[in-house]
Amino acid sequence: MTPFEAATHVDPYVYYSRLRQQRELLFDADLGVWIASGAGVVEAILEHPDCLVRPLHEPIPAALAQGAAGHIFGRLMRMNEGAQHQCPRRVIEPILASMGTQNIAGLVAQVVETFEISGDNPNEWMFTLPVSVIATLIGFTSNQLQEVAQMTRDFVACLSPLSDEAQLSKAHCAAARLSQMFQTLLSNDDKGSGVLGRLYSDYDASAWEDDDALIANLIGLLSQTCEATAGLIGNTLIALQRKPELFEGMQVTPTLAAEWVAEVARHDSPVQNTRRFVAKRCAIGDSVLEAGDTILLLLAAANRDPCANPEPDSFLLKRAQRRTFSFGSGRHKCPGQPLALAIASEVVFAFLHRQPTSPAPAYRWRYLPSLNGRIPQFCRDGEIQQ
């Protein structure tokens, strides 16, 4: 098995454990990358100033560079360093923090009603609801949500090296359409007193003057919500199905759903790995890395490191001082982590609340093709997976 195959393997965690025991940071000559699997070394790399999110010679993947998706990618704060990274973060991060989580249940219920989503189709709940909740918070109307959700799903294909030419073409079209929709939204003189109004007010008052970058990072917020939150919801439903004994006799409550989601984010992360690129020679632990080296950080392996989480392979709802690397760490840590967990929790709660009998319906699933994401696609017993 390779780390890329592990992301969608039925159970990659024994493999991750062997890697940690072998060496927490090792060089894989076949893949030509360093592999980091221990919590301590993963955290050190995520916080190291010379370990960047993109290689210096290729800030935008070559396959995207000449299209609208590349225009967006090159302006994402999570894909840039220095001022390009800090300016949008200083404006957007406080807004994400101020959104709070109190009204998420109401927004989920509103979106469910808008789409009339079936209670027995978890795929639609996973991929449509989270993006639509964020789009509603930003200021899109209910009759725009379906298009925003679809365009976001089309756009995220550009982030995968497995995407083919047809998918990349759709991603460029989606990037252009989302940019147009955000331009229209931001050009409205009355932006209201909600998230959009506060966001634009803070942006207007800042020294950061780049409308294209603002729009790109709003699209980035939708795209980060799309697959990662879908995977978190899906993996929570799988955990419920695999561990029904933990649920027996328990009333489905928002608090219980939140506990499940928080532990799933650690125990079976939707983001299994991420990469860093070494900008100049540096030492990580007792290893010396050279400029141009690539590091594959196994976030899911770090989540199961006993040094970070005692009894790491046990699924514990009441885990004390849970450490989760799924949302990153250091300067590129996802600022929307509390919001993502809240949305996933409320979607899971709403989905389970609609089940007439068992709290964990019996589904079969396969993981969508990916080198780093663990995102299930479900079908009922007797249905044929496409």
Protein backbone atom coordinates (compact mmCIF):
# COMPACT_ATOMS: atom_id res chain seq x y z
CA MET A 1 0.00 0.00 0.00
CA THR A 2 1.07 3.60 -0.61
CA PRO A 3 -0.10 6.63 1.37
CA PHE A 4 -2.17 7.69 -1.65
CA GLU A 5 -3.92 4.32 -1.82
CA ALA A 6 -4.47 4.42 1.94
CA ALA A 7 -6.74 7.47 1.71
CA THR A 8 -9.57 5.40 0.22
CA HIS A 9 -8.65 1.98 1.62
CA VAL A 10 -11.28 0.23 3.72
CA ASP A 11 -8.98 0.43 6.79
CA PRO A 12 -5.69 2.33 6.37
CA TYR A 13 -4.99 2.71 10.07
CA VAL A 14 -2.91 -0.44 10.61
CA TYR A 15 -0.70 0.74 7.76
CA TYR A 16 -0.40 4.21 9.32
CA SER A 17 0.56 2.63 12.65
CA ARG A 18 3.34 0.62 11.00
CA LEU A 19 4.69 3.78 9.37
CA ARG A 20 4.80 5.60 12.73
CA GLN A 21 6.56 2.67 14.36
CA GLN A 22 9.05 2.43 11.52
CA ARG A 23 9.92 6.11 11.60
CA GLU A 24 7.74 9.18 12.04
CA LEU A 25 9.49 10.97 9.16
CA LEU A 26 10.97 8.82 6.42
CA PHE A 27 11.93 9.22 2.78
CA ASP A 28 10.10 7.00 0.28
CA ALA A 29 12.47 6.58 -2.65
CA ASP A 30 9.81 5.01 -4.86
CA LEU A 31 7.44 7.95 -4.47
CA GLY A 32 10.23 10.52 -4.19
CA VAL A 33 8.64 12.19 -1.14
CA TRP A 34 9.16 12.45 2.59
CA ILE A 35 6.34 10.86 4.59
CA ALA A 36 5.42 12.32 7.97
CA SER A 37 3.15 10.16 10.13
CA GLY A 38 3.80 11.11 13.78
CA ALA A 39 1.85 13.88 15.48
CA GLY A 40 4.94 15.74 16.67
CA VAL A 41 6.66 15.84 13.30
CA VAL A 42 3.43 16.65 11.44
CA GLU A 43 2.83 19.61 13.74
CA ALA A 44 6.45 20.77 13.37
CA ILE A 45 6.23 20.72 9.58
CA LEU A 46 2.86 22.49 9.48
CA GLU A 47 4.34 25.30 11.56
CA HIS A 48 7.76 25.46 9.87
CA PRO A 49 8.33 28.71 7.91
CA ASP A 50 10.30 26.93 5.16
CA CYS A 51 7.63 24.27 4.49
CA LEU A 52 5.22 25.90 2.04
CA VAL A 53 1.81 24.95 0.67
CA ARG A 54 3.02 25.27 -2.94
CA PRO A 55 6.44 24.77 -4.57
CA LEU A 56 8.20 28.03 -5.37
CA HIS A 57 8.54 27.14 -9.06
CA GLU A 58 4.84 26.30 -9.50
CA PRO A 59 2.48 28.47 -7.40
CA ILE A 60 -0.41 27.33 -9.61
CA PRO A 61 -0.62 23.75 -10.93
CA ALA A 62 0.33 23.71 -14.61
CA ALA A 63 -2.93 22.02 -15.58
CA LEU A 64 -4.90 25.02 -14.22
CA ALA A 65 -2.65 27.94 -15.05
CA GLN A 66 -4.38 29.09 -18.23
CA GLY A 67 -7.99 29.08 -17.08
CA ALA A 68 -10.46 30.68 -14.69
CA ALA A 69 -9.91 27.97 -12.06
CA GLY A 70 -6.19 28.82 -12.03
CA HIS A 71 -7.06 32.50 -11.59
CA ILE A 72 -8.99 31.53 -8.45
CA PHE A 73 -6.41 29.02 -7.20
CA GLY A 74 -3.55 31.52 -7.37
CA ARG A 75 -5.39 33.90 -5.03
CA LEU A 76 -6.51 31.45 -2.35
CA MET A 77 -5.11 32.31 1.08
CA ARG A 78 -4.65 28.61 1.83
CA MET A 79 -2.44 28.27 -1.26
CA ASN A 80 -0.27 31.35 -0.75
CA GLU A 81 2.34 32.63 1.67
CA GLY A 82 3.35 36.03 3.04
CA ALA A 83 1.17 39.07 2.40
CA GLN A 84 -0.92 37.18 -0.18
CA HIS A 85 -1.86 34.77 2.59
CA GLN A 86 -2.19 37.21 5.48
CA CYS A 87 -4.33 39.95 3.88
CA PRO A 88 -7.39 37.83 3.11
CA ARG A 89 -7.01 35.93 6.38
CA ARG A 90 -7.06 39.16 8.41
CA VAL A 91 -10.36 40.14 6.77
CA ILE A 92 -12.11 36.77 6.43
CA GLU A 93 -11.00 34.91 9.58
CA PRO A 94 -12.67 37.30 12.08
CA ILE A 95 -15.90 37.11 10.07
CA LEU A 96 -15.83 33.31 10.20
CA ALA A 97 -15.28 33.48 13.96
CA SER A 98 -18.13 35.96 14.38
CA MET A 99 -20.62 33.82 12.47
CA GLY A 100 -21.08 31.66 15.53
CA THR A 101 -22.89 28.35 15.49
CA GLN A 102 -26.17 29.15 17.25
CA ASN A 103 -28.30 29.58 14.12
CA ILE A 104 -26.86 26.72 12.06
CA ALA A 105 -29.71 24.38 12.95
CA GLY A 106 -32.22 26.89 11.62
CA LEU A 107 -30.25 27.38 8.42
CA VAL A 108 -29.97 23.62 7.86
CA ALA A 109 -33.73 23.26 8.34
CA GLN A 110 -34.32 26.15 5.94
CA VAL A 111 -32.13 24.62 3.24
CA VAL A 112 -33.70 21.17 3.68
CA GLU A 113 -37.11 22.75 3.15
CA THR A 114 -35.87 24.75 0.16
CA PHE A 115 -34.60 21.66 -1.65
CA GLU A 116 -37.19 19.22 -0.30
CA ILE A 117 -34.31 16.79 0.22
CA SER A 118 -35.29 13.15 0.60
CA GLY A 119 -34.70 11.61 4.01
CA ASP A 120 -33.14 8.51 2.51
CA ASN A 121 -30.52 10.11 0.26
CA PRO A 122 -27.41 10.82 2.34
CA ASN A 123 -25.38 11.85 -0.72
CA GLU A 124 -27.60 14.86 -1.32
CA TRP A 125 -27.46 15.81 2.36
CA MET A 126 -23.67 15.58 2.33
CA PHE A 127 -22.91 17.53 -0.82
CA THR A 128 -25.78 20.02 -1.09
CA LEU A 129 -26.56 21.16 2.45
CA PRO A 130 -23.16 22.36 3.78
CA VAL A 131 -22.35 24.49 0.73
CA SER A 132 -25.89 25.88 0.68
CA VAL A 133 -25.68 26.86 4.36
CA ILE A 134 -22.47 28.81 3.72
CA ALA A 135 -23.94 30.37 0.56
CA THR A 136 -27.00 31.45 2.56
CA LEU A 137 -24.80 32.96 5.28
CA ILE A 138 -22.86 34.90 2.65
CA GLY A 139 -26.05 36.31 1.13
CA PHE A 140 -27.22 34.19 -1.81
CA THR A 141 -30.97 33.73 -2.13
CA SER A 142 -32.74 30.38 -1.90
CA ASN A 143 -33.32 30.24 -5.66
CA GLN A 144 -29.56 30.57 -6.25
CA LEU A 145 -28.48 27.78 -3.90
CA GLN A 146 -28.86 24.87 -6.30
CA GLU A 147 -26.63 26.54 -8.88
CA VAL A 148 -24.06 27.61 -6.28
CA ALA A 149 -23.87 24.06 -4.90
CA GLN A 150 -23.50 22.51 -8.35
CA MET A 151 -20.92 25.05 -9.53
CA THR A 152 -18.93 24.49 -6.33
CA ARG A 153 -18.89 20.72 -6.89
CA ASP A 154 -17.73 21.30 -10.46
CA PHE A 155 -15.03 23.72 -9.29
CA VAL A 156 -13.50 21.45 -6.65
CA ALA A 157 -12.56 18.98 -9.38
CA CYS A 158 -9.72 21.35 -10.28
CA LEU A 159 -8.12 20.67 -6.89
CA SER A 160 -7.58 16.96 -7.64
CA PRO A 161 -4.66 15.72 -9.76
CA LEU A 162 -6.92 12.81 -10.78
CA SER A 163 -9.30 15.06 -12.71
CA ASP A 164 -9.47 14.56 -16.47
CA GLU A 165 -9.75 17.20 -19.20
CA ALA A 166 -13.54 17.20 -19.16
CA GLN A 167 -13.63 17.76 -15.39
CA LEU A 168 -11.04 20.54 -15.62
CA SER A 169 -13.05 22.20 -18.38
CA LYS A 170 -16.16 22.14 -16.18
CA ALA A 171 -14.08 23.49 -13.28
CA HIS A 172 -12.97 26.49 -15.37
CA CYS A 173 -16.57 27.18 -16.38
CA ALA A 174 -17.72 26.86 -12.77
CA ALA A 175 -14.97 29.22 -11.56
CA ALA A 176 -16.03 31.83 -14.10
CA ARG A 177 -19.71 31.49 -13.19
CA LEU A 178 -19.10 31.64 -9.42
CA SER A 179 -16.90 34.71 -9.91
CA GLN A 180 -19.71 36.36 -11.85
CA MET A 181 -22.27 35.50 -9.15
CA PHE A 182 -20.05 36.92 -6.40
CA GLN A 183 -19.35 40.06 -8.42
CA THR A 184 -23.10 40.64 -8.71
CA LEU A 185 -23.55 40.00 -4.99
CA LEU A 186 -20.77 42.41 -4.01
CA SER A 187 -21.93 45.11 -6.41
CA ASN A 188 -25.25 45.42 -4.59
CA ASP A 189 -25.29 48.80 -2.84
CA ASP A 190 -27.32 47.41 0.05
CA LYS A 191 -25.24 44.56 1.44
CA GLY A 192 -27.27 44.44 4.64
CA SER A 193 -26.06 44.01 8.21
CA GLY A 194 -25.36 40.28 7.96
CA VAL A 195 -22.19 38.41 7.08
CA LEU A 196 -21.84 40.00 3.64
CA GLY A 197 -22.22 43.52 5.03
CA ARG A 198 -19.70 42.96 7.81
CA LEU A 199 -17.29 41.26 5.44
CA TYR A 200 -17.34 44.03 2.87
CA SER A 201 -17.15 46.71 5.56
CA ASP A 202 -14.00 45.12 7.02
CA TYR A 203 -12.57 44.62 3.54
CA ASP A 204 -13.28 48.23 2.59
CA ALA A 205 -11.62 49.48 5.79
CA SER A 206 -8.50 47.35 5.33
CA ALA A 207 -5.39 48.09 3.34
CA TRP A 208 -6.13 45.06 1.20
CA GLU A 209 -7.55 46.22 -2.14
CA ASP A 210 -8.00 43.24 -4.40
CA ASP A 211 -11.58 42.43 -5.40
CA ASP A 212 -10.46 39.39 -7.40
CA ALA A 213 -8.70 37.94 -4.36
CA LEU A 214 -11.71 38.61 -2.13
CA ILE A 215 -13.99 36.77 -4.56
CA ALA A 216 -11.47 33.95 -4.97
CA ASN A 217 -11.34 33.38 -1.22
CA LEU A 218 -15.13 33.40 -0.91
CA ILE A 219 -15.19 30.71 -3.61
CA GLY A 220 -12.45 28.97 -1.62
CA LEU A 221 -14.70 29.03 1.45
CA LEU A 222 -17.42 27.24 -0.53
CA SER A 223 -14.98 24.70 -1.97
CA GLN A 224 -13.45 23.86 1.42
CA THR A 225 -16.94 23.36 2.79
CA CYS A 226 -17.92 21.12 -0.11
CA GLU A 227 -15.88 17.93 -0.03
CA ALA A 228 -14.29 18.05 3.43
CA THR A 229 -17.61 18.63 5.20
CA ALA A 230 -19.34 16.09 2.96
CA GLY A 231 -16.70 13.55 3.97
CA LEU A 232 -17.12 14.42 7.64
CA ILE A 233 -20.89 13.88 7.43
CA GLY A 234 -20.50 10.66 5.43
CA ASN A 235 -17.87 9.19 7.72
CA THR A 236 -20.05 9.99 10.71
CA LEU A 237 -22.92 8.01 9.17
CA ILE A 238 -20.50 5.13 8.56
CA ALA A 239 -19.34 5.26 12.19
CA LEU A 240 -22.96 5.12 13.33
CA GLN A 241 -23.54 2.11 11.13
CA ARG A 242 -20.37 0.35 12.30
CA LYS A 243 -20.91 1.03 16.00
CA PRO A 244 -24.65 0.72 16.63
CA GLU A 245 -24.01 -0.55 20.16
CA LEU A 246 -22.77 2.92 21.15
CA PHE A 247 -26.05 4.41 20.01
CA GLU A 248 -28.52 1.90 21.41
CA GLY A 249 -30.90 3.40 23.92
CA MET A 250 -29.59 6.92 23.31
CA GLN A 251 -31.86 9.72 22.15
CA VAL A 252 -30.64 11.52 19.05
CA THR A 253 -29.76 15.04 20.23
CA PRO A 254 -27.72 17.88 18.70
CA THR A 255 -25.15 17.45 21.49
CA LEU A 256 -24.75 13.74 20.79
CA ALA A 257 -24.43 14.41 17.06
CA ALA A 258 -21.73 17.01 17.77
CA GLU A 259 -19.79 14.53 19.91
CA TRP A 260 -19.93 11.93 17.13
CA VAL A 261 -18.76 14.40 14.49
CA ALA A 262 -15.87 15.69 16.62
CA GLU A 263 -14.58 12.17 17.23
CA VAL A 264 -15.05 11.13 13.60
CA ALA A 265 -12.95 14.13 12.50
CA ARG A 266 -10.12 12.59 14.52
CA HIS A 267 -10.85 8.87 14.19
CA ASP A 268 -11.67 8.68 10.46
CA SER A 269 -10.65 11.99 8.96
CA PRO A 270 -12.18 13.14 5.65
CA VAL A 271 -8.80 14.75 4.85
CA GLN A 272 -6.24 11.98 5.15
CA ASN A 273 -3.15 13.83 4.00
CA THR A 274 -1.78 17.12 2.72
CA ARG A 275 1.52 18.27 1.23
CA ARG A 276 4.24 20.75 2.00
CA PHE A 277 7.12 21.85 -0.21
CA VAL A 278 10.54 22.71 1.20
CA ALA A 279 11.68 26.20 0.17
CA LYS A 280 15.21 25.94 1.59
CA ARG A 281 17.38 23.44 3.43
CA CYS A 282 16.05 22.78 6.92
CA ALA A 283 16.13 20.23 9.73
CA ILE A 284 13.00 18.48 10.97
CA GLY A 285 13.85 16.39 14.01
CA ASP A 286 16.97 14.42 13.08
CA SER A 287 16.28 14.60 9.32
CA VAL A 288 17.73 17.17 6.94
CA LEU A 289 15.45 18.18 4.07
CA GLU A 290 16.68 19.94 0.96
CA ALA A 291 15.13 22.78 -1.03
CA GLY A 292 12.71 21.32 -3.53
CA ASP A 293 11.79 18.30 -1.40
CA THR A 294 8.13 17.33 -1.06
CA ILE A 295 6.59 16.18 2.21
CA LEU A 296 3.40 14.17 2.47
CA LEU A 297 1.83 14.79 5.87
CA LEU A 298 -0.45 11.96 6.98
CA LEU A 299 -2.93 13.93 9.07
CA ALA A 300 -5.06 10.84 9.69
CA ALA A 301 -2.02 8.99 11.02
CA ALA A 302 -1.15 11.89 13.34
CA ASN A 303 -4.73 11.84 14.66
CA ARG A 304 -4.17 8.21 15.72
CA ASP A 305 -0.76 8.82 17.29
CA PRO A 306 -0.92 7.72 20.97
CA CYS A 307 1.37 10.61 21.83
CA ALA A 308 -1.40 12.99 20.79
CA ASN A 309 -4.49 10.96 21.75
CA PRO A 310 -4.35 8.13 24.29
CA GLU A 311 -6.19 4.99 23.17
CA PRO A 312 -6.09 6.38 19.62
CA ASP A 313 -7.87 3.47 17.93
CA SER A 314 -10.83 3.60 20.32
CA PHE A 315 -13.87 5.63 19.34
CA LEU A 316 -14.54 7.75 22.44
CA LEU A 317 -17.32 10.32 22.43
CA LYS A 318 -16.12 11.86 25.71
CA ARG A 319 -12.45 12.01 24.71
CA ALA A 320 -10.52 14.41 26.95
CA GLN A 321 -8.28 17.01 25.25
CA ARG A 322 -8.92 15.61 21.78
CA ARG A 323 -6.23 16.63 19.27
CA THR A 324 -7.29 16.69 15.64
CA PHE A 325 -4.97 17.55 12.75
CA SER A 326 -7.67 17.17 10.09
CA PHE A 327 -8.08 20.96 9.85
CA GLY A 328 -4.36 21.65 9.76
CA SER A 329 -2.23 23.55 12.24
CA GLY A 330 -0.07 26.65 12.32
CA ARG A 331 -0.45 29.57 9.93
CA HIS A 332 -2.60 27.64 7.46
CA LYS A 333 -4.98 26.11 9.99
CA CYS A 334 -8.53 26.21 8.64
CA PRO A 335 -10.23 29.22 10.28
CA GLY A 336 -13.65 27.70 9.61
CA GLN A 337 -13.16 24.61 11.80
CA PRO A 338 -15.85 25.44 14.41
CA LEU A 339 -18.31 26.36 11.66
CA ALA A 340 -17.60 23.18 9.67
CA LEU A 341 -18.07 20.99 12.75
CA ALA A 342 -21.31 22.79 13.60
CA ILE A 343 -22.71 22.41 10.08
CA ALA A 344 -21.77 18.72 9.90
CA SER A 345 -23.30 18.08 13.33
CA GLU A 346 -26.59 19.76 12.49
CA VAL A 347 -26.84 18.00 9.13
CA VAL A 348 -26.22 14.62 10.79
CA PHE A 349 -28.79 15.40 13.48
CA ALA A 350 -31.40 16.52 10.94
CA PHE A 351 -30.77 13.45 8.77
CA LEU A 352 -31.06 11.01 11.68
CA HIS A 353 -34.13 12.81 13.00
CA ARG A 354 -35.89 11.95 9.73
CA GLN A 355 -35.22 8.24 9.98
CA PRO A 356 -38.40 6.37 10.94
CA THR A 357 -36.71 3.40 12.64
CA SER A 358 -33.00 2.84 13.03
CA PRO A 359 -30.81 5.88 13.75
CA ALA A 360 -28.20 4.45 11.40
CA PRO A 361 -29.79 3.20 8.16
CA ALA A 362 -28.04 0.35 6.37
CA TYR A 363 -26.11 1.65 3.38
CA ARG A 364 -23.30 0.34 1.27
CA TRP A 365 -20.66 2.79 0.14
CA ARG A 366 -17.49 3.26 -1.81
CA TYR A 367 -14.98 6.07 -1.44
CA LEU A 368 -14.76 8.58 -4.26
CA PRO A 369 -11.44 8.38 -6.15
CA SER A 370 -8.93 10.63 -4.40
CA LEU A 371 -5.29 10.81 -3.36
CA ASN A 372 -6.03 12.58 -0.08
CA GLY A 373 -9.78 12.65 0.63
CA ARG A 374 -11.88 9.98 2.33
CA ILE A 375 -15.34 10.82 1.04
CA PRO A 376 -17.97 8.08 0.82
CA GLN A 377 -20.71 7.74 -1.76
CA PHE A 378 -23.68 5.75 -0.49
CA CYS A 379 -26.27 3.43 -1.97
CA ARG A 380 -28.99 1.33 -0.37
CA ASP A 381 -28.72 -2.44 -0.27
CA GLY A 382 -29.99 -3.69 -3.62
CA GLU A 383 -29.03 -0.51 -5.46
CA ILE A 384 -26.23 -0.50 -8.02
CA GLN A 385 -23.36 1.87 -7.41
CA GLN A 386 -22.39 3.97 -10.39
